[in-house]
Each structure stands twice: as C-alpha cells, then as structure tokens.
C-alpha cells in the first residue's frame, strides 16, 4: 500500500488557531471574556476580534506540539508503516478535533459586535471539526487494516481535512482575526 500522498498532505499539519512558532509550553483552552459593555456601549468588531484571538492563542502551544508530533509520525509511517504509529496519529487528530470544538464553544460564548459576528467563520470551524473527526476515523481504519488497500480512504479524509481547515483560515483572515486565522504550516 502506498502512503506517499497521505504523508504529503498530512505532514503539513493544518489546524487553525495558532502559528508555526516554536512554543513548547502547554496550555488548555481558556474562555476569554468579551469586553464589558453598558447599555449605551456595544462591542466593536475590533473588541470581538481581540477577545477571539485571545481564546485562539490560549491553545496555540498545545496545537503546535501536536502538529510536530503528527509530522514526525507521518515521516515514520512513510518509511515504515505501523499500526502503533497510525493509532498515535489517530489519537492526535482526535485531540485536535476536541481542541477545535472547545475553542468553537468558547468563541460562540463571546458577545458579538453590533456590526455582526463571524458566522461564516464559525460555520467553517464546525465543518473543519467534522473533517478532523473523519480523518481520525480513517487513521483508525488504516491502522486496523494496514495490509488492506485503505490508503485511498485515508488520503481522501486527510485531503478533505486539509482543505476544510485552510478554507476556515481564509474566512478568519478575511473577517480580520489574527490568531484565529493562522495555520500551523510547518510542524518541524
């Protein structure tokens, strides 16, 4: 079975909410509070973006660590496919999907600006969550059947994951997010 395409796509390590800095400390997602407002005051788009970017930045170190581990496992799998390594990739992708869901929940808790929230970005995040979950399942199926021709299914799932997360990042950047619009492109 060929794993070349899988490692080429999956080795990119796209996760959104974070950058490719070499941060090593771990942190859990934290809810950022939207700026306090009075009845006469409304949340501005800039305030909303700042609060959302703070939330996204809170998980950056953990997602960067996971992306690096995933890239290393992809390289290992390219040369020596193993059930253990594929299962570890599955676990990482499941963790990334969980992180993304938690961040989405925290972003939804923010008070939206009067000019409108980032609805397209949130919907795109939810789509990326689904793609990450599908990718994790495909990695599990690949690990369970290494000697079966499942690479096509895995390749399709990983490619769909990659496209979905990239689209989510583009929507975030278009809205004006800084941290929430970043991709982890270089996991090394």
Foldseek 3Di string as FASTA:
>chain_A
DACVLVLVLLLQQWQFLAAQDQAADAAAQDQFAQDDDDPVDWGDLVSLLVRLNVRSPRGHNVSLQLSLLRNVLSVVCNVPNALVSLLVNLVSLLVSLVRLVVSLVSSVPYGATPVDHLVVLSVLSVQLSVLSNQLSVLSNVCSVCVPDPSSVSNSVSSVSNSVSSQVSLVSCVVSPHDSRNHINRRSD
